[in-house]
Each structure stands twice: as structure tokens, then as C-alpha cells.
Amino acid sequence: MLNLRETSQSSKITISLPVYLLDTVDVLVQEKHSNRSAVIAEILAQVARERFEAEMRAGYEANASFARQIAEEDLAAGNETWPEY
């Protein structure tokens, strides 16, 4: 499972970006009063969160009919146990 918590550990890497993306990063750096590493890390963290949420949503949707069936069975069992007054 993806750990979305921030950590103090980091690794140095070298990446190549098209000029237009680097220009975009630099604009964000100015807007956020930050640095390139922090801006790129923030963007990648957002992508990771979105992927994780999409995976969770897909899992819930895949299990929705099973969960509904269990809920209906529990409701029926509860109605049998507790008669109406």
C-alpha cells in the first residue's frame, strides 16, 4: 500500500524536463516562495494521492454489490430478531 505521509528522508536525483515544464515549475516556485525540489515533490505527492484515491474508489465500487448484499442480509436478520411493536 502506498504510504502518503511525508517523511524527512529524501534522495537526490537528476532529471531532464522540457523547457516549458521547467518554466512552469519556476513560475510555481515564485508563486509559492519555494524551491524547485519542493514544488516538484508537491506535484508528485498530489499525483500519488490521486492515484491512491482512484484505487480505493475502484475497490469500493468493485465491492459495492457484495457490501449491499451483506447489509440487506443483516437488516433482514435484525428484523427477524426484533419484532415490530
Protein backbone atom coordinates (compact mmCIF):
# COMPACT_ATOMS: atom_id res chain seq x y z
CA MET A 1 0.00 0.00 0.00
CA LEU A 2 1.21 3.49 -0.79
CA ASN A 3 2.42 5.49 2.21
CA LEU A 4 1.21 9.04 1.61
CA ARG A 5 2.69 10.52 4.75
CA GLU A 6 5.52 12.96 4.32
CA THR A 7 8.90 11.82 5.52
CA SER A 8 12.13 13.61 6.22
CA GLN A 9 14.04 11.18 4.03
CA SER A 10 14.86 12.29 0.54
CA SER A 11 17.11 11.30 -2.32
CA LYS A 12 18.92 13.49 -4.77
CA ILE A 13 18.20 12.80 -8.42
CA THR A 14 18.88 14.44 -11.73
CA ILE A 15 16.01 14.85 -14.14
CA SER A 16 15.57 16.37 -17.56
CA LEU A 17 12.45 18.40 -18.31
CA PRO A 18 11.21 20.11 -21.42
CA VAL A 19 11.80 23.85 -21.16
CA TYR A 20 8.08 24.63 -20.97
CA LEU A 21 7.71 22.38 -17.91
CA LEU A 22 10.72 23.91 -16.22
CA ASP A 23 9.24 27.34 -16.91
CA THR A 24 6.01 26.19 -15.27
CA VAL A 25 7.92 24.89 -12.24
CA ASP A 26 9.78 28.18 -11.95
CA VAL A 27 6.51 30.13 -12.03
CA LEU A 28 5.16 27.91 -9.23
CA VAL A 29 8.39 28.42 -7.27
CA GLN A 30 7.87 32.18 -7.41
CA GLU A 31 4.16 31.94 -6.53
CA LYS A 32 4.76 29.61 -3.59
CA HIS A 33 8.01 31.26 -2.43
CA SER A 34 9.53 27.80 -2.53
CA ASN A 35 12.15 25.89 -4.49
CA ARG A 36 12.10 23.52 -7.44
CA SER A 37 12.54 20.39 -5.35
CA ALA A 38 9.65 21.27 -3.06
CA VAL A 39 7.35 22.22 -5.94
CA ILE A 40 8.09 19.05 -7.90
CA ALA A 41 7.71 16.93 -4.74
CA GLU A 42 4.34 18.58 -4.03
CA ILE A 43 3.14 17.86 -7.57
CA LEU A 44 4.25 14.23 -7.39
CA ALA A 45 2.64 13.82 -3.95
CA GLN A 46 -0.63 15.12 -5.41
CA VAL A 47 -0.40 12.60 -8.26
CA ALA A 48 0.29 9.82 -5.75
CA ARG A 49 -2.74 10.86 -3.65
CA GLU A 50 -4.98 10.97 -6.72
CA ARG A 51 -3.83 7.50 -7.82
CA PHE A 52 -4.34 6.10 -4.32
CA GLU A 53 -7.82 7.62 -4.09
CA ALA A 54 -8.71 6.24 -7.54
CA GLU A 55 -7.55 2.76 -6.48
CA MET A 56 -9.58 2.97 -3.27
CA ARG A 57 -12.65 4.23 -5.16
CA ALA A 58 -12.33 1.38 -7.67
CA GLY A 59 -12.06 -1.13 -4.83
CA TYR A 60 -15.15 0.23 -3.09
CA GLU A 61 -17.08 0.24 -6.35
CA ALA A 62 -15.99 -3.32 -7.12
CA ASN A 63 -17.20 -4.47 -3.70
CA ALA A 64 -20.36 -2.35 -3.58
CA SER A 65 -22.75 -5.12 -4.59
CA PHE A 66 -21.22 -7.53 -2.07
CA ALA A 67 -21.42 -4.91 0.69
CA ARG A 68 -25.04 -4.17 -0.23
CA GLN A 69 -25.88 -7.89 -0.09
CA ILE A 70 -24.33 -8.20 3.38
CA ALA A 71 -26.19 -5.11 4.61
CA GLU A 72 -29.51 -6.43 3.30
CA GLU A 73 -28.90 -9.82 4.95
CA ASP A 74 -28.02 -8.13 8.25
CA LEU A 75 -31.12 -5.96 8.04
CA ALA A 76 -33.29 -8.99 7.34
CA ALA A 77 -31.72 -10.87 10.25
CA GLY A 78 -32.28 -7.87 12.52
CA ASN A 79 -35.92 -7.68 11.52
CA GLU A 80 -36.35 -11.36 12.37
CA THR A 81 -34.69 -10.88 15.76
CA TRP A 82 -36.53 -7.71 16.77
CA PRO A 83 -40.25 -7.92 16.09
CA GLU A 84 -42.15 -4.71 15.39
CA TYR A 85 -44.07 -3.20 18.30
